Amino acid sequence: NLGKMAHRMPTTFISYRRDDAAGYAGRLHEALENRLGRDQVFRDVDTLEPGQDFVEAIESRLRECRVFLPMIGREWLDARDSDGRRRLDQPHDYVRLEIANAHARREVRVIPILIEGASMPPVESLPEAVRPLARKQAVHLRDDAWDHDVDRLVSAITGVTATGTIQPSSASP
């Protein structure tokens, strides 16, 4: 039943590179589902149907989501394809597409998630399409403070999804 499904679309989208953050993405997905509800979190692996158009599916999930969580580990910025080219620089890189898409939607709150002690990439190291990411306040997920960090993230997510509008941040850069 498509109508029913559309009604329960995920409000939170986890974006990650498999070779950089797959384990953390799975762990975060589970933690968020436990706190927010089973249908509230989208992570590509679990929810794509065989044969489904990947780009189309991502765009439709992003249309429904209110919070976008790009997970950034130590390999995120410099991940390369088999020809040695940086993935983030390729126009069809799915992580780049997801981030650019999320930033194009004003109603979506983008919260970078830093794992393994990674830091935010400097703006000049990012391709133009994803540069707005560098201005976002990130959340660190630390192994030794996992539940505390996830709870902090959940209050930010519920703050966005409860009001139906994004509250302007009072923090100055």
C-alpha atoms as a PDB file:
ATOM      1  CA  ASN A   1       0.000   0.000   0.000  1.00  0.00           C
ATOM      2  CA  LEU A   2       1.868   3.033  -1.300  1.00  0.00           C
ATOM      3  CA  GLY A   3      -0.286   5.627   0.445  1.00  0.00           C
ATOM      4  CA  LYS A   4       0.396   4.098   3.819  1.00  0.00           C
ATOM      5  CA  MET A   5       4.083   3.764   3.063  1.00  0.00           C
ATOM      6  CA  ALA A   6       4.442   7.391   1.977  1.00  0.00           C
ATOM      7  CA  HIS A   7       2.840   8.454   5.230  1.00  0.00           C
ATOM      8  CA  ARG A   8       5.540   6.704   7.292  1.00  0.00           C
ATOM      9  CA  MET A   9       8.586   7.776   5.312  1.00  0.00           C
ATOM     10  CA  PRO A  10      11.789   8.150   7.307  1.00  0.00           C
ATOM     11  CA  THR A  11      12.451  11.586   8.738  1.00  0.00           C
ATOM     12  CA  THR A  12      16.171  10.942   9.217  1.00  0.00           C
ATOM     13  CA  PHE A  13      18.583  10.022   6.426  1.00  0.00           C
ATOM     14  CA  ILE A  14      22.010   8.525   7.237  1.00  0.00           C
ATOM     15  CA  SER A  15      24.586   9.130   4.496  1.00  0.00           C
ATOM     16  CA  TYR A  16      27.921   7.298   4.600  1.00  0.00           C
ATOM     17  CA  ARG A  17      30.618   5.604   2.577  1.00  0.00           C
ATOM     18  CA  ARG A  18      30.704   1.852   3.090  1.00  0.00           C
ATOM     19  CA  ASP A  19      34.500   1.714   3.218  1.00  0.00           C
ATOM     20  CA  ASP A  20      34.652   4.613   5.672  1.00  0.00           C
ATOM     21  CA  ALA A  21      31.746   4.253   8.084  1.00  0.00           C
ATOM     22  CA  ALA A  22      29.573   1.188   7.380  1.00  0.00           C
ATOM     23  CA  GLY A  23      29.927  -0.242  10.896  1.00  0.00           C
ATOM     24  CA  TYR A  24      29.154   3.087  12.541  1.00  0.00           C
ATOM     25  CA  ALA A  25      26.236   3.716  10.175  1.00  0.00           C
ATOM     26  CA  GLY A  26      24.690   0.390  11.173  1.00  0.00           C
ATOM     27  CA  ARG A  27      25.218   1.091  14.854  1.00  0.00           C
ATOM     28  CA  LEU A  28      23.775   4.607  14.572  1.00  0.00           C
ATOM     29  CA  HIS A  29      20.788   3.359  12.554  1.00  0.00           C
ATOM     30  CA  GLU A  30      19.953   0.844  15.272  1.00  0.00           C
ATOM     31  CA  ALA A  31      20.414   3.396  18.073  1.00  0.00           C
ATOM     32  CA  LEU A  32      18.180   5.944  16.308  1.00  0.00           C
ATOM     33  CA  GLU A  33      15.493   3.355  15.518  1.00  0.00           C
ATOM     34  CA  ASN A  34      15.413   2.369  19.191  1.00  0.00           C
ATOM     35  CA  ARG A  35      14.892   5.995  20.206  1.00  0.00           C
ATOM     36  CA  LEU A  36      12.815   7.385  17.305  1.00  0.00           C
ATOM     37  CA  GLY A  37      10.908   4.392  15.958  1.00  0.00           C
ATOM     38  CA  ARG A  38      11.505   1.743  13.319  1.00  0.00           C
ATOM     39  CA  ASP A  39      10.284   3.643  10.233  1.00  0.00           C
ATOM     40  CA  GLN A  40      11.967   6.914  11.075  1.00  0.00           C
ATOM     41  CA  VAL A  41      15.485   6.241   9.798  1.00  0.00           C
ATOM     42  CA  PHE A  42      16.724   5.588   6.250  1.00  0.00           C
ATOM     43  CA  ARG A  43      20.055   3.942   5.467  1.00  0.00           C
ATOM     44  CA  ASP A  44      20.452   2.703   1.899  1.00  0.00           C
ATOM     45  CA  VAL A  45      21.393  -0.916   2.570  1.00  0.00           C
ATOM     46  CA  ASP A  46      18.254  -1.893   4.464  1.00  0.00           C
ATOM     47  CA  THR A  47      15.578  -0.087   2.558  1.00  0.00           C
ATOM     48  CA  LEU A  48      16.383  -0.249  -1.143  1.00  0.00           C
ATOM     49  CA  GLU A  49      14.537  -2.888  -3.140  1.00  0.00           C
ATOM     50  CA  PRO A  50      16.448  -5.068  -5.610  1.00  0.00           C
ATOM     51  CA  GLY A  51      16.378  -3.401  -9.021  1.00  0.00           C
ATOM     52  CA  GLN A  52      15.360  -0.034  -7.606  1.00  0.00           C
ATOM     53  CA  ASP A  53      16.987   3.027  -9.220  1.00  0.00           C
ATOM     54  CA  PHE A  54      19.511   4.169  -6.617  1.00  0.00           C
ATOM     55  CA  VAL A  55      19.527   7.881  -7.518  1.00  0.00           C
ATOM     56  CA  GLU A  56      15.731   8.009  -7.825  1.00  0.00           C
ATOM     57  CA  ALA A  57      15.281   6.261  -4.467  1.00  0.00           C
ATOM     58  CA  ILE A  58      17.721   8.615  -2.747  1.00  0.00           C
ATOM     59  CA  GLU A  59      15.999  11.670  -4.203  1.00  0.00           C
ATOM     60  CA  SER A  60      12.587  10.459  -3.060  1.00  0.00           C
ATOM     61  CA  ARG A  61      13.891   9.658   0.468  1.00  0.00           C
ATOM     62  CA  LEU A  62      15.509  13.091   0.632  1.00  0.00           C
ATOM     63  CA  ARG A  63      12.202  14.701  -0.394  1.00  0.00           C
ATOM     64  CA  GLU A  64      10.627  13.095   2.667  1.00  0.00           C
ATOM     65  CA  CYS A  65      13.409  13.537   5.182  1.00  0.00           C
ATOM     66  CA  ARG A  66      13.720  16.400   7.671  1.00  0.00           C
ATOM     67  CA  VAL A  67      17.196  15.587   9.000  1.00  0.00           C
ATOM     68  CA  PHE A  68      20.225  14.537   6.955  1.00  0.00           C
ATOM     69  CA  LEU A  69      23.217  12.969   8.721  1.00  0.00           C
ATOM     70  CA  PRO A  70      26.389  12.700   6.627  1.00  0.00           C
ATOM     71  CA  MET A  71      28.790  10.418   8.528  1.00  0.00           C
ATOM     72  CA  ILE A  72      32.384  11.548   8.212  1.00  0.00           C
ATOM     73  CA  GLY A  73      35.210   9.213   9.185  1.00  0.00           C
ATOM     74  CA  ARG A  74      38.921   9.467   8.559  1.00  0.00           C
ATOM     75  CA  GLU A  75      38.700   8.133   4.985  1.00  0.00           C
ATOM     76  CA  TRP A  76      35.638  10.188   3.962  1.00  0.00           C
ATOM     77  CA  LEU A  77      37.337  13.127   2.261  1.00  0.00           C
ATOM     78  CA  ASP A  78      40.027  11.230   0.365  1.00  0.00           C
ATOM     79  CA  ALA A  79      38.158   8.043  -0.596  1.00  0.00           C
ATOM     80  CA  ARG A  80      39.256   7.116  -4.134  1.00  0.00           C
ATOM     81  CA  ASP A  81      37.796   5.020  -6.931  1.00  0.00           C
ATOM     82  CA  SER A  82      39.667   2.163  -8.654  1.00  0.00           C
ATOM     83  CA  ASP A  83      41.362   4.687 -10.971  1.00  0.00           C
ATOM     84  CA  GLY A  84      42.702   6.651  -8.007  1.00  0.00           C
ATOM     85  CA  ARG A  85      40.387   9.644  -8.499  1.00  0.00           C
ATOM     86  CA  ARG A  86      38.835  11.217  -5.417  1.00  0.00           C
ATOM     87  CA  ARG A  87      35.195  10.094  -5.254  1.00  0.00           C
ATOM     88  CA  LEU A  88      33.875  13.364  -3.878  1.00  0.00           C
ATOM     89  CA  ASP A  89      35.052  15.108  -7.067  1.00  0.00           C
ATOM     90  CA  GLN A  90      32.976  12.830  -9.350  1.00  0.00           C
ATOM     91  CA  PRO A  91      29.587  14.295 -10.370  1.00  0.00           C
ATOM     92  CA  HIS A  92      27.869  10.894  -9.939  1.00  0.00           C
ATOM     93  CA  ASP A  93      29.363  10.028  -6.550  1.00  0.00           C
ATOM     94  CA  TYR A  94      26.341   9.090  -4.430  1.00  0.00           C
ATOM     95  CA  VAL A  95      27.644  10.770  -1.257  1.00  0.00           C
ATOM     96  CA  ARG A  96      28.212  14.011  -3.174  1.00  0.00           C
ATOM     97  CA  LEU A  97      24.713  13.729  -4.746  1.00  0.00           C
ATOM     98  CA  GLU A  98      23.101  13.115  -1.349  1.00  0.00           C
ATOM     99  CA  ILE A  99      24.817  16.087   0.292  1.00  0.00           C
ATOM    100  CA  ALA A 100      24.154  18.500  -2.589  1.00  0.00           C
ATOM    101  CA  ASN A 101      20.527  17.335  -2.692  1.00  0.00           C
ATOM    102  CA  ALA A 102      20.063  17.785   1.061  1.00  0.00           C
ATOM    103  CA  HIS A 103      21.539  21.298   0.986  1.00  0.00           C
ATOM    104  CA  ALA A 104      19.211  22.265  -1.856  1.00  0.00           C
ATOM    105  CA  ARG A 105      16.217  21.593   0.413  1.00  0.00           C
ATOM    106  CA  ARG A 106      15.740  24.430   2.897  1.00  0.00           C
ATOM    107  CA  GLU A 107      13.499  22.367   5.174  1.00  0.00           C
ATOM    108  CA  VAL A 108      16.200  19.750   5.772  1.00  0.00           C
ATOM    109  CA  ARG A 109      18.570  20.155   8.739  1.00  0.00           C
ATOM    110  CA  VAL A 110      22.042  18.862   7.848  1.00  0.00           C
ATOM    111  CA  ILE A 111      23.994  17.601  10.872  1.00  0.00           C
ATOM    112  CA  PRO A 112      27.466  16.223  10.067  1.00  0.00           C
ATOM    113  CA  ILE A 113      28.384  13.221  12.234  1.00  0.00           C
ATOM    114  CA  LEU A 114      32.092  12.877  13.000  1.00  0.00           C
ATOM    115  CA  ILE A 115      33.359   9.394  13.879  1.00  0.00           C
ATOM    116  CA  GLU A 116      36.735   7.886  14.809  1.00  0.00           C
ATOM    117  CA  GLY A 117      37.973  11.296  15.945  1.00  0.00           C
ATOM    118  CA  ALA A 118      37.632  12.734  12.418  1.00  0.00           C
ATOM    119  CA  SER A 119      37.350  16.502  12.065  1.00  0.00           C
ATOM    120  CA  MET A 120      35.278  18.594   9.683  1.00  0.00           C
ATOM    121  CA  PRO A 121      36.925  18.927   6.276  1.00  0.00           C
ATOM    122  CA  PRO A 122      38.143  22.452   5.510  1.00  0.00           C
ATOM    123  CA  VAL A 123      35.939  24.278   2.997  1.00  0.00           C
ATOM    124  CA  GLU A 124      38.727  24.588   0.411  1.00  0.00           C
ATOM    125  CA  SER A 125      39.134  20.788   0.308  1.00  0.00           C
ATOM    126  CA  LEU A 126      35.492  20.302  -0.722  1.00  0.00           C
ATOM    127  CA  PRO A 127      34.094  20.491  -4.257  1.00  0.00           C
ATOM    128  CA  GLU A 128      31.795  23.480  -4.821  1.00  0.00           C
ATOM    129  CA  ALA A 129      28.641  21.299  -4.772  1.00  0.00           C
ATOM    130  CA  VAL A 130      29.164  20.255  -1.142  1.00  0.00           C
ATOM    131  CA  ARG A 131      30.896  23.332   0.326  1.00  0.00           C
ATOM    132  CA  PRO A 132      27.905  24.390   2.480  1.00  0.00           C
ATOM    133  CA  LEU A 133      28.678  21.294   4.561  1.00  0.00           C
ATOM    134  CA  ALA A 134      31.759  23.022   6.011  1.00  0.00           C
ATOM    135  CA  ARG A 135      29.554  25.628   7.728  1.00  0.00           C
ATOM    136  CA  LYS A 136      27.431  23.097   9.634  1.00  0.00           C
ATOM    137  CA  GLN A 137      27.856  22.420  13.330  1.00  0.00           C
ATOM    138  CA  ALA A 138      28.882  18.770  13.671  1.00  0.00           C
ATOM    139  CA  VAL A 139      28.148  16.151  16.321  1.00  0.00           C
ATOM    140  CA  HIS A 140      30.970  13.851  17.462  1.00  0.00           C
ATOM    141  CA  LEU A 141      30.030  10.227  18.104  1.00  0.00           C
ATOM    142  CA  ARG A 142      32.649   8.801  20.443  1.00  0.00           C
ATOM    143  CA  ASP A 143      32.900   5.130  21.344  1.00  0.00           C
ATOM    144  CA  ASP A 144      33.430   5.913  25.017  1.00  0.00           C
ATOM    145  CA  ALA A 145      30.428   8.278  25.192  1.00  0.00           C
ATOM    146  CA  TRP A 146      28.202   6.672  22.555  1.00  0.00           C
ATOM    147  CA  ASP A 147      24.843   6.767  24.388  1.00  0.00           C
ATOM    148  CA  HIS A 148      25.382  10.324  25.607  1.00  0.00           C
ATOM    149  CA  ASP A 149      26.359  11.523  22.110  1.00  0.00           C
ATOM    150  CA  VAL A 150      23.433   9.706  20.445  1.00  0.00           C
ATOM    151  CA  ASP A 151      20.998  11.175  23.011  1.00  0.00           C
ATOM    152  CA  ARG A 152      22.300  14.658  22.160  1.00  0.00           C
ATOM    153  CA  LEU A 153      21.798  13.951  18.471  1.00  0.00           C
ATOM    154  CA  VAL A 154      18.281  12.613  19.106  1.00  0.00           C
ATOM    155  CA  SER A 155      17.251  15.802  20.913  1.00  0.00           C
ATOM    156  CA  ALA A 156      18.447  17.816  17.908  1.00  0.00           C
ATOM    157  CA  ILE A 157      16.488  15.527  15.548  1.00  0.00           C
ATOM    158  CA  THR A 158      13.307  15.625  17.618  1.00  0.00           C
ATOM    159  CA  GLY A 159      13.643  19.399  17.879  1.00  0.00           C
ATOM    160  CA  VAL A 160      13.532  19.610  14.083  1.00  0.00           C
ATOM    161  CA  THR A 161      10.819  17.024  13.469  1.00  0.00           C
ATOM    162  CA  ALA A 162       8.514  18.093  16.317  1.00  0.00           C
ATOM    163  CA  THR A 163       8.175  21.705  15.274  1.00  0.00           C
ATOM    164  CA  GLY A 164       7.797  20.944  11.580  1.00  0.00           C
ATOM    165  CA  THR A 165      10.065  23.918  10.958  1.00  0.00           C
ATOM    166  CA  ILE A 166      13.741  24.369  11.483  1.00  0.00           C
ATOM    167  CA  GLN A 167      14.500  26.619  14.398  1.00  0.00           C
ATOM    168  CA  PRO A 168      17.176  29.130  13.477  1.00  0.00           C
ATOM    169  CA  SER A 169      20.318  28.497  15.448  1.00  0.00           C
ATOM    170  CA  SER A 170      21.152  31.285  17.866  1.00  0.00           C
ATOM    171  CA  ALA A 171      24.812  30.318  17.892  1.00  0.00           C
ATOM    172  CA  SER A 172      27.057  32.604  15.893  1.00  0.00           C
ATOM    173  CA  PRO A 173      29.772  30.994  13.757  1.00  0.00           C
END
